[in-house]
Amino acid sequence: MLLSVGGLVASTWVKSPAQRAAEQSPPPASVLSAVVQEKVMTSVVAVRGTVSAEGTVAVAPASSAASVGAVQVVTGLPKQVGAVVAAGDVVAEVSGRPVLALAGSIPAYRNLTPGTTGLDVAQLQSALIGLGFADRDVAGNFGSGTQKAVRDLYEARGYSPLTTTDLDAGTETSALLAAAASVRTGERAVRDATLTASGAAVEVAAAAKQHVVDAQQDLTDARSALSALRARIGVMLPLAEVVYVRTLPAVVGTVGAQVGTSLASATTAVLTIQTGQLLVHAMLSEGQQQLIAAGLTVSIADDVHARTAEASVASVGAFTTGAGLGGSSGANPAPAAITSAGAPATPGYPLVITPSVPLDSGWLGADVLIRVTTASTKDPVLVVPAIAVTGKADGASSVQVLRPDGSHQQVGVATGAIVDGEVQVTSTVPGALHVGDRVVTGE
């Protein structure tokens, strides 16, 4: 029994020369392969962008003459970022006075007072009528009807309108007193001239009557001057209390102040109002602009809120250094045109994307991933890794198909689109290459 066991153990230690050679040789070479797929090939350019509105209106109230001597301090901010701004809304309060948003494209650039005429007056009248406040004045003429409509608007928002007396009480009062005094002087002159003429001798009667005529003309002029002065006195619309927005309703884009902020030291607008449709702006780097044209399909993804939207390329602009577009409009010391929202302040080619369906205000300011489809095959095609295709000296291409038995079969192919390391292939021999076949990618 012991001999048998010893013989068995000894036999396990004995190896033939062939066995030892096999154990010392390298392992058989492995073959790397990939599966032939069938799919629609799509070439995509991906960049990040920001959702913003077509236009931006900066609200930076000017100091009006009515506030001389008063500190301009923000005392109310009823609208926060993302809030809807409708026509007639109070968007801010400065030193207890409202800043009203009205529909219009002409920026406010002057105080509108009784007797003022112009296109800006007609714009105000149109805005007031749109809010339901009747205005029976001639278009472009700030008369009593416009005064009443402005008063009604202010009172409906819980404020009292300013008047020209608030603007310059001392000068206005002096002018009224002087005009009234001129009328009284003229009335007395007519009375005295009339009495003199009635008792005048025949030889001086003609001169006396002319004196009456002159006195009556002076009185008429004085009364006209008084009427004209009174027509310029009353309810007004200060430059500092209105911001015109081209398209309403709109959305508050940014708030750059807080209650208590002094406008004298403010370096940014109190707030900005985003107007028009929400768009997506981005910058393309050199080379990307050559792949993208207006009309291409785009997908937009907001990863933070897990939402997507379909869109298309609106435009690709010329190269810019990224210097932002300045400008603002509305309650601003100097008139300026409403500006469009600019692309990011980085060098490149500005890309503007238009959503297929208008985005809601919740998208405003979102940082999004933009995927622009620059090319696509019409139908699904056979696709293999580009590394699986080899070329020959005569320009022909082929792939090595790995058969189930481990053998390789060379199959000639015609190549097509190349996207992200994959290439479209079509067998030059019908039926020689199928979906699910494995092609050699390396050994």
Protein backbone atom coordinates (compact mmCIF):
# COMPACT_ATOMS: atom_id res chain seq x y z
CA MET A 1 0.00 0.00 0.00
CA LEU A 2 2.77 2.43 0.85
CA LEU A 3 4.60 1.58 -2.35
CA SER A 4 1.53 2.29 -4.41
CA VAL A 5 1.02 5.70 -2.81
CA GLY A 6 4.67 6.60 -3.20
CA GLY A 7 4.56 5.68 -6.87
CA LEU A 8 1.51 7.86 -7.37
CA VAL A 9 3.15 10.86 -5.70
CA ALA A 10 6.33 10.41 -7.63
CA SER A 11 4.45 10.31 -10.91
CA THR A 12 2.96 13.75 -10.31
CA TRP A 13 6.42 15.22 -10.15
CA VAL A 14 7.53 13.79 -13.47
CA LYS A 15 6.78 16.00 -16.58
CA SER A 16 7.51 15.32 -20.17
CA PRO A 17 9.74 17.70 -22.19
CA ALA A 18 6.71 18.70 -24.32
CA GLN A 19 4.69 19.58 -21.24
CA ARG A 20 7.48 21.69 -19.80
CA ALA A 21 7.89 23.54 -23.11
CA ALA A 22 4.18 24.30 -23.27
CA GLU A 23 4.17 25.75 -19.77
CA GLN A 24 7.12 28.00 -20.53
CA SER A 25 5.78 29.38 -23.84
CA PRO A 26 3.74 32.67 -23.93
CA PRO A 27 -0.08 32.42 -23.82
CA PRO A 28 -1.90 32.39 -27.13
CA ALA A 29 -2.48 35.85 -28.58
CA SER A 30 -5.89 37.36 -27.71
CA VAL A 31 -8.00 39.07 -30.37
CA LEU A 32 -9.71 42.40 -29.69
CA SER A 33 -13.00 42.84 -31.49
CA ALA A 34 -16.13 44.98 -31.66
CA VAL A 35 -19.68 44.30 -32.71
CA VAL A 36 -21.04 45.68 -35.98
CA GLN A 37 -23.93 48.00 -35.13
CA GLU A 38 -26.75 49.53 -37.14
CA LYS A 39 -27.82 53.08 -36.27
CA VAL A 40 -28.36 56.59 -37.55
CA MET A 41 -25.04 58.40 -37.40
CA THR A 42 -25.23 61.92 -36.04
CA SER A 43 -22.49 64.50 -35.81
CA VAL A 44 -22.95 66.84 -32.85
CA VAL A 45 -21.21 70.00 -31.63
CA ALA A 46 -21.71 70.53 -27.90
CA VAL A 47 -21.23 73.85 -26.10
CA ARG A 48 -22.59 75.44 -22.96
CA GLY A 49 -24.82 78.50 -23.07
CA THR A 50 -27.11 80.72 -21.05
CA VAL A 51 -30.83 81.38 -21.40
CA SER A 52 -31.63 85.07 -21.67
CA ALA A 53 -34.30 87.27 -23.22
CA GLU A 54 -34.19 89.08 -26.57
CA GLY A 55 -33.82 92.46 -24.92
CA THR A 56 -32.80 93.99 -21.59
CA VAL A 57 -34.07 97.22 -20.07
CA ALA A 58 -32.07 98.67 -17.19
CA VAL A 59 -34.00 100.47 -14.48
CA ALA A 60 -31.70 103.17 -13.09
CA PRO A 61 -33.94 106.07 -11.99
CA ALA A 62 -32.63 109.53 -12.76
CA SER A 63 -32.73 112.37 -10.28
CA SER A 64 -35.58 114.64 -11.33
CA ALA A 65 -35.83 118.30 -10.47
CA ALA A 66 -38.71 117.39 -8.19
CA SER A 67 -36.29 115.49 -5.94
CA VAL A 68 -33.61 118.19 -5.65
CA GLY A 69 -32.41 118.27 -2.05
CA ALA A 70 -33.73 114.77 -1.34
CA VAL A 71 -31.53 111.72 -0.97
CA GLN A 72 -32.28 109.14 -3.68
CA VAL A 73 -32.64 105.89 -1.74
CA VAL A 74 -34.32 102.64 -2.74
CA THR A 75 -37.31 102.29 -0.43
CA GLY A 76 -39.11 99.40 -2.09
CA LEU A 77 -38.45 96.44 -4.38
CA PRO A 78 -41.78 94.74 -5.04
CA LYS A 79 -40.36 92.59 -7.88
CA GLN A 80 -37.72 89.90 -7.45
CA VAL A 81 -35.78 87.92 -10.06
CA GLY A 82 -38.13 85.90 -12.24
CA ALA A 83 -41.20 87.98 -11.33
CA VAL A 84 -43.54 88.94 -14.16
CA VAL A 85 -43.73 92.64 -15.00
CA ALA A 86 -47.06 93.76 -16.45
CA ALA A 87 -47.98 97.15 -17.91
CA GLY A 88 -48.60 99.67 -15.15
CA ASP A 89 -46.73 97.70 -12.47
CA VAL A 90 -44.57 99.44 -9.89
CA VAL A 91 -41.15 97.81 -10.36
CA ALA A 92 -39.29 99.83 -7.70
CA GLU A 93 -39.78 102.62 -5.22
CA VAL A 94 -37.18 105.37 -4.76
CA SER A 95 -37.45 107.85 -1.90
CA GLY A 96 -41.11 106.93 -1.52
CA ARG A 97 -41.90 107.52 -5.17
CA PRO A 98 -42.88 104.77 -7.65
CA VAL A 99 -41.10 103.68 -10.82
CA LEU A 100 -43.83 102.54 -13.22
CA ALA A 101 -43.39 100.14 -16.13
CA LEU A 102 -45.31 101.26 -19.21
CA ALA A 103 -45.49 99.86 -22.73
CA GLY A 104 -43.39 101.78 -25.24
CA SER A 105 -40.22 101.82 -27.31
CA ILE A 106 -39.11 105.44 -26.82
CA PRO A 107 -36.96 105.73 -23.67
CA ALA A 108 -38.02 108.35 -21.12
CA TYR A 109 -35.74 111.37 -21.52
CA ARG A 110 -37.61 114.34 -20.03
CA ASN A 111 -40.28 115.34 -17.55
CA LEU A 112 -43.70 115.44 -19.20
CA THR A 113 -45.70 118.42 -18.02
CA PRO A 114 -48.97 120.08 -19.11
CA GLY A 115 -48.55 121.68 -22.50
CA THR A 116 -45.70 119.35 -23.55
CA THR A 117 -46.03 117.93 -27.08
CA GLY A 118 -44.22 115.18 -28.95
CA LEU A 119 -44.05 111.50 -29.81
CA ASP A 120 -43.13 110.61 -26.22
CA VAL A 121 -46.38 112.22 -25.08
CA ALA A 122 -48.33 110.20 -27.66
CA GLN A 123 -46.58 107.05 -26.38
CA LEU A 124 -47.64 107.88 -22.82
CA GLN A 125 -51.21 108.47 -23.94
CA SER A 126 -51.29 105.13 -25.77
CA ALA A 127 -49.96 103.34 -22.67
CA LEU A 128 -52.56 104.99 -20.45
CA ILE A 129 -55.40 104.09 -22.80
CA GLY A 130 -54.10 100.52 -22.92
CA LEU A 131 -54.45 100.39 -19.13
CA GLY A 132 -58.04 101.62 -19.31
CA PHE A 133 -57.44 105.24 -18.30
CA ALA A 134 -59.36 107.46 -20.70
CA ASP A 135 -57.42 110.27 -22.35
CA ARG A 136 -59.40 112.64 -24.57
CA ASP A 137 -56.54 114.97 -25.46
CA VAL A 138 -55.22 115.36 -28.98
CA ALA A 139 -52.55 112.71 -29.56
CA GLY A 140 -49.14 114.08 -28.64
CA ASN A 141 -50.49 116.94 -26.51
CA PHE A 142 -50.24 116.71 -22.70
CA GLY A 143 -53.51 118.39 -21.78
CA SER A 144 -56.13 118.11 -19.07
CA GLY A 145 -57.26 114.67 -20.27
CA THR A 146 -53.74 113.28 -20.00
CA GLN A 147 -53.34 114.87 -16.58
CA LYS A 148 -56.47 113.12 -15.35
CA ALA A 149 -55.34 109.77 -16.77
CA VAL A 150 -51.94 110.10 -15.07
CA ARG A 151 -53.62 111.02 -11.80
CA ASP A 152 -55.92 107.99 -12.07
CA LEU A 153 -52.97 105.68 -12.74
CA TYR A 154 -51.03 106.92 -9.73
CA GLU A 155 -54.00 106.75 -7.41
CA ALA A 156 -54.80 103.22 -8.60
CA ARG A 157 -51.26 102.24 -7.55
CA GLY A 158 -51.56 103.92 -4.15
CA TYR A 159 -49.59 107.09 -4.85
CA SER A 160 -50.32 110.77 -5.42
CA PRO A 161 -49.02 112.19 -8.69
CA LEU A 162 -46.49 115.00 -8.67
CA THR A 163 -47.47 118.39 -10.05
CA THR A 164 -45.50 121.18 -11.61
CA THR A 165 -45.77 123.00 -8.30
CA ASP A 166 -43.73 120.19 -6.74
CA LEU A 167 -41.23 120.66 -9.56
CA ASP A 168 -40.59 124.38 -8.99
CA ALA A 169 -43.04 125.92 -6.56
CA GLY A 170 -41.29 129.28 -6.12
CA THR A 171 -40.86 130.15 -9.79
CA GLU A 172 -44.34 128.93 -10.68
CA THR A 173 -46.02 130.97 -7.95
CA SER A 174 -44.10 134.10 -8.92
CA ALA A 175 -45.05 133.67 -12.58
CA LEU A 176 -48.73 133.19 -11.71
CA LEU A 177 -48.78 136.28 -9.48
CA ALA A 178 -47.07 138.36 -12.15
CA ALA A 179 -49.47 137.19 -14.86
CA ALA A 180 -52.50 137.86 -12.66
CA ALA A 181 -51.15 141.31 -11.83
CA SER A 182 -50.77 142.08 -15.53
CA VAL A 183 -54.41 141.17 -16.09
CA ARG A 184 -55.55 143.43 -13.25
CA THR A 185 -53.41 146.25 -14.58
CA GLY A 186 -54.90 145.78 -18.04
CA GLU A 187 -58.46 145.81 -16.68
CA ARG A 188 -57.80 149.09 -14.91
CA ALA A 189 -56.19 150.58 -17.99
CA VAL A 190 -59.24 149.70 -20.12
CA ARG A 191 -61.57 151.18 -17.53
CA ASP A 192 -59.61 154.41 -17.27
CA ALA A 193 -59.22 154.74 -21.04
CA THR A 194 -62.94 154.20 -21.54
CA LEU A 195 -63.85 156.92 -19.04
CA THR A 196 -61.37 159.30 -20.59
CA ALA A 197 -62.69 158.68 -24.08
CA SER A 198 -66.32 159.26 -23.06
CA GLY A 199 -65.56 162.75 -21.74
CA ALA A 200 -62.99 163.78 -24.27
CA ALA A 201 -63.46 166.83 -26.48
CA VAL A 202 -64.16 166.32 -30.15
CA GLU A 203 -60.63 167.26 -31.16
CA VAL A 204 -59.08 164.51 -28.97
CA ALA A 205 -61.84 161.92 -29.21
CA ALA A 206 -60.09 159.85 -31.90
CA ALA A 207 -56.89 159.57 -29.86
CA ALA A 208 -58.86 158.67 -26.73
CA LYS A 209 -60.72 155.92 -28.56
CA GLN A 210 -57.42 154.51 -29.90
CA HIS A 211 -56.10 154.48 -26.35
CA VAL A 212 -59.11 152.31 -25.38
CA VAL A 213 -58.40 149.93 -28.25
CA ASP A 214 -54.73 149.62 -27.20
CA ALA A 215 -55.68 149.02 -23.57
CA GLN A 216 -58.14 146.32 -24.59
CA GLN A 217 -55.46 144.59 -26.69
CA ASP A 218 -53.01 144.70 -23.76
CA LEU A 219 -55.69 143.18 -21.54
CA THR A 220 -56.37 140.42 -24.07
CA ASP A 221 -52.66 139.62 -24.25
CA ALA A 222 -52.36 139.53 -20.47
CA ARG A 223 -55.34 137.20 -20.15
CA SER A 224 -53.91 134.91 -22.87
CA ALA A 225 -50.56 134.78 -21.06
CA LEU A 226 -52.30 133.90 -17.79
CA SER A 227 -54.33 131.15 -19.49
CA ALA A 228 -51.23 129.72 -21.16
CA LEU A 229 -49.38 129.70 -17.84
CA ARG A 230 -52.26 127.99 -16.06
CA ALA A 231 -52.35 125.39 -18.88
CA ARG A 232 -48.73 124.50 -18.06
CA ILE A 233 -49.50 123.94 -14.40
CA GLY A 234 -50.87 120.68 -13.03
CA VAL A 235 -50.19 116.94 -12.89
CA MET A 236 -46.94 115.80 -14.50
CA LEU A 237 -45.03 112.57 -15.20
CA PRO A 238 -41.42 112.86 -13.97
CA LEU A 239 -38.60 111.28 -15.93
CA ALA A 240 -37.50 109.38 -12.81
CA GLU A 241 -40.84 107.65 -12.31
CA VAL A 242 -41.33 105.74 -15.56
CA VAL A 243 -39.54 103.03 -17.52
CA TYR A 244 -40.77 102.11 -20.99
CA VAL A 245 -40.58 98.46 -22.03
CA ARG A 246 -41.04 97.47 -25.65
CA THR A 247 -42.81 94.17 -24.93
CA LEU A 248 -45.00 93.50 -21.90
CA PRO A 249 -45.49 91.39 -19.92
CA ALA A 250 -41.78 90.86 -19.27
CA VAL A 251 -39.64 89.28 -16.54
CA VAL A 252 -37.25 90.69 -13.94
CA GLY A 253 -33.79 89.47 -14.94
CA THR A 254 -31.57 90.82 -12.16
CA VAL A 255 -31.95 92.90 -9.00
CA GLY A 256 -28.85 94.97 -8.32
CA ALA A 257 -29.98 96.87 -5.24
CA GLN A 258 -31.70 96.37 -1.94
CA VAL A 259 -33.91 98.52 0.24
CA GLY A 260 -31.66 101.24 1.61
CA THR A 261 -29.29 101.41 -1.36
CA SER A 262 -28.31 104.99 -2.19
CA LEU A 263 -28.47 105.69 -5.90
CA ALA A 264 -25.67 108.22 -5.53
CA SER A 265 -23.25 105.37 -4.78
CA ALA A 266 -24.89 102.64 -6.88
CA THR A 267 -22.71 101.14 -9.61
CA THR A 268 -25.38 98.92 -11.18
CA ALA A 269 -28.98 99.29 -12.22
CA VAL A 270 -31.59 98.86 -9.52
CA LEU A 271 -32.95 96.01 -11.62
CA THR A 272 -33.11 94.81 -15.19
CA ILE A 273 -36.18 93.72 -17.11
CA GLN A 274 -35.85 90.96 -19.68
CA THR A 275 -38.12 91.45 -22.67
CA GLY A 276 -39.21 89.34 -25.58
CA GLN A 277 -38.80 85.63 -26.21
CA LEU A 278 -36.27 83.63 -24.21
CA LEU A 279 -33.26 82.65 -26.33
CA VAL A 280 -30.06 80.73 -25.66
CA HIS A 281 -26.71 82.46 -26.18
CA ALA A 282 -23.32 80.78 -26.41
CA MET A 283 -19.85 81.27 -27.89
CA LEU A 284 -18.35 78.98 -30.51
CA SER A 285 -14.59 78.45 -30.61
CA GLU A 286 -12.52 78.69 -33.76
CA GLY A 287 -13.49 75.91 -36.16
CA GLN A 288 -16.86 75.17 -34.60
CA GLN A 289 -18.50 78.07 -36.45
CA GLN A 290 -17.67 76.38 -39.77
CA LEU A 291 -19.79 73.37 -38.82
CA ILE A 292 -22.89 75.27 -37.72
CA ALA A 293 -25.43 77.16 -39.83
CA ALA A 294 -28.84 78.69 -39.24
CA GLY A 295 -31.67 76.17 -39.16
CA LEU A 296 -29.75 73.22 -37.73
CA THR A 297 -31.50 71.14 -35.08
CA VAL A 298 -30.54 71.73 -31.46
CA SER A 299 -31.29 70.08 -28.14
CA ILE A 300 -31.09 72.09 -24.91
CA ALA A 301 -30.53 70.40 -21.55
CA ASP A 302 -30.78 71.99 -18.11
CA ASP A 303 -29.03 69.44 -15.89
CA VAL A 304 -29.87 71.24 -12.64
CA HIS A 305 -33.63 71.01 -13.16
CA ALA A 306 -33.56 67.83 -15.29
CA ARG A 307 -35.41 69.34 -18.23
CA THR A 308 -34.82 69.50 -21.96
CA ALA A 309 -36.14 71.44 -24.94
CA GLU A 310 -35.86 71.30 -28.70
CA ALA A 311 -34.62 74.30 -30.66
CA SER A 312 -32.83 75.43 -33.79
CA VAL A 313 -29.88 77.65 -34.67
CA ALA A 314 -31.03 81.23 -35.23
CA SER A 315 -27.67 82.75 -36.14
CA VAL A 316 -23.90 82.50 -35.93
CA GLY A 317 -22.25 85.89 -35.61
CA ALA A 318 -18.86 87.22 -36.64
CA PHE A 319 -15.91 86.84 -34.31
CA THR A 320 -16.03 89.09 -31.26
CA THR A 321 -13.52 89.74 -28.52
CA GLY A 322 -16.28 89.28 -25.99
CA ALA A 323 -16.63 92.90 -24.93
CA GLY A 324 -20.19 93.19 -23.71
CA LEU A 325 -22.75 95.28 -25.49
CA GLY A 326 -23.52 98.32 -23.37
CA GLY A 327 -26.66 100.33 -23.16
CA SER A 328 -29.91 100.49 -21.29
CA SER A 329 -33.20 102.27 -21.43
CA GLY A 330 -36.08 103.42 -19.33
CA ALA A 331 -35.68 105.38 -16.09
CA ASN A 332 -32.16 106.44 -16.96
CA PRO A 333 -30.36 109.79 -16.85
CA ALA A 334 -29.49 109.55 -20.53
CA PRO A 335 -31.65 108.12 -23.31
CA ALA A 336 -30.43 104.90 -24.86
CA ALA A 337 -31.89 102.27 -27.13
CA ILE A 338 -33.23 99.01 -25.83
CA THR A 339 -30.41 96.52 -26.27
CA SER A 340 -30.49 92.85 -27.04
CA ALA A 341 -29.10 90.42 -24.54
CA GLY A 342 -25.43 89.83 -25.34
CA ALA A 343 -23.54 86.62 -25.68
CA PRO A 344 -21.10 85.57 -22.92
CA ALA A 345 -18.20 87.97 -22.48
CA THR A 346 -15.59 85.60 -23.94
CA PRO A 347 -13.91 85.67 -27.35
CA GLY A 348 -15.52 83.62 -30.08
CA TYR A 349 -18.40 83.44 -32.51
CA PRO A 350 -21.79 84.33 -30.93
CA LEU A 351 -24.34 81.55 -31.31
CA VAL A 352 -28.05 82.31 -30.87
CA ILE A 353 -30.53 79.47 -30.39
CA THR A 354 -34.32 79.81 -30.76
CA PRO A 355 -36.47 77.29 -28.84
CA SER A 356 -39.08 75.46 -30.95
CA VAL A 357 -41.66 76.13 -28.22
CA PRO A 358 -41.31 79.32 -26.14
CA LEU A 359 -39.58 78.65 -22.82
CA ASP A 360 -41.31 79.72 -19.62
CA SER A 361 -39.73 82.29 -17.30
CA GLY A 362 -38.31 79.52 -15.10
CA TRP A 363 -35.58 78.95 -17.71
CA LEU A 364 -34.30 82.53 -17.46
CA GLY A 365 -30.61 82.59 -16.53
CA ALA A 366 -30.19 78.79 -16.71
CA ASP A 367 -26.79 77.39 -17.69
CA VAL A 368 -27.57 74.76 -20.32
CA LEU A 369 -25.84 72.20 -22.52
CA ILE A 370 -26.40 72.88 -26.22
CA ARG A 371 -26.05 70.00 -28.67
CA VAL A 372 -26.18 71.08 -32.32
CA THR A 373 -26.74 68.33 -34.87
CA THR A 374 -24.40 69.29 -37.69
CA ALA A 375 -24.89 66.18 -39.88
CA SER A 376 -26.93 62.98 -39.85
CA THR A 377 -27.46 59.94 -42.06
CA LYS A 378 -30.96 59.67 -43.45
CA ASP A 379 -31.44 56.02 -42.43
CA PRO A 380 -29.72 53.57 -40.05
CA VAL A 381 -26.36 52.34 -41.41
CA LEU A 382 -23.77 49.73 -40.43
CA VAL A 383 -21.20 51.21 -38.08
CA VAL A 384 -17.85 49.91 -36.82
CA PRO A 385 -14.99 51.49 -34.86
CA ALA A 386 -12.71 53.45 -37.18
CA ILE A 387 -9.76 51.40 -35.91
CA ALA A 388 -11.32 48.25 -37.42
CA VAL A 389 -10.98 49.59 -40.98
CA THR A 390 -7.70 49.11 -42.81
CA GLY A 391 -6.69 50.68 -46.08
CA LYS A 392 -4.75 49.26 -48.99
CA ALA A 393 -2.32 50.85 -51.38
CA ASP A 394 -4.95 50.93 -54.11
CA GLY A 395 -7.30 52.93 -51.86
CA ALA A 396 -9.62 50.04 -51.05
CA SER A 397 -10.76 49.49 -47.45
CA SER A 398 -11.62 46.31 -45.57
CA VAL A 399 -12.45 44.86 -42.17
CA GLN A 400 -11.45 41.50 -40.66
CA VAL A 401 -14.60 39.63 -39.59
CA LEU A 402 -14.03 37.26 -36.67
CA ARG A 403 -15.98 34.07 -37.35
CA PRO A 404 -17.34 31.82 -34.55
CA ASP A 405 -14.63 29.24 -35.17
CA GLY A 406 -11.94 31.86 -34.54
CA SER A 407 -11.00 32.33 -38.18
CA HIS A 408 -10.69 35.75 -39.81
CA GLN A 409 -12.42 36.72 -43.04
CA GLN A 410 -11.40 39.84 -44.89
CA VAL A 411 -14.43 41.77 -46.14
CA GLY A 412 -14.08 44.73 -48.48
CA VAL A 413 -16.06 47.82 -47.43
CA ALA A 414 -16.87 51.30 -48.65
CA THR A 415 -16.67 53.91 -45.89
CA GLY A 416 -18.99 56.84 -45.26
CA ALA A 417 -19.55 59.27 -42.40
CA ILE A 418 -17.08 59.35 -39.51
CA VAL A 419 -18.37 60.52 -36.12
CA ASP A 420 -16.69 60.26 -32.71
CA GLY A 421 -14.35 57.43 -33.67
CA GLU A 422 -16.95 55.41 -35.56
CA VAL A 423 -17.28 54.98 -39.31
CA GLN A 424 -20.13 54.04 -41.62
CA VAL A 425 -19.32 50.93 -43.69
CA THR A 426 -21.04 49.16 -46.57
CA SER A 427 -19.86 45.74 -47.73
CA THR A 428 -18.62 45.70 -51.31
CA VAL A 429 -19.98 42.14 -51.52
CA PRO A 430 -23.70 42.11 -50.67
CA GLY A 431 -24.45 40.04 -47.56
CA ALA A 432 -20.83 39.69 -46.46
CA LEU A 433 -21.25 41.93 -43.39
CA HIS A 434 -24.17 41.86 -40.97
CA VAL A 435 -25.35 43.51 -37.78
CA GLY A 436 -23.93 41.53 -34.84
CA ASP A 437 -20.80 40.33 -36.66
CA ARG A 438 -17.57 40.91 -34.77
CA VAL A 439 -14.74 42.80 -36.48
CA VAL A 440 -11.14 42.71 -35.37
CA THR A 441 -9.89 45.94 -33.76
CA GLY A 442 -6.54 44.68 -32.53
CA GLU A 443 -4.42 41.68 -31.58
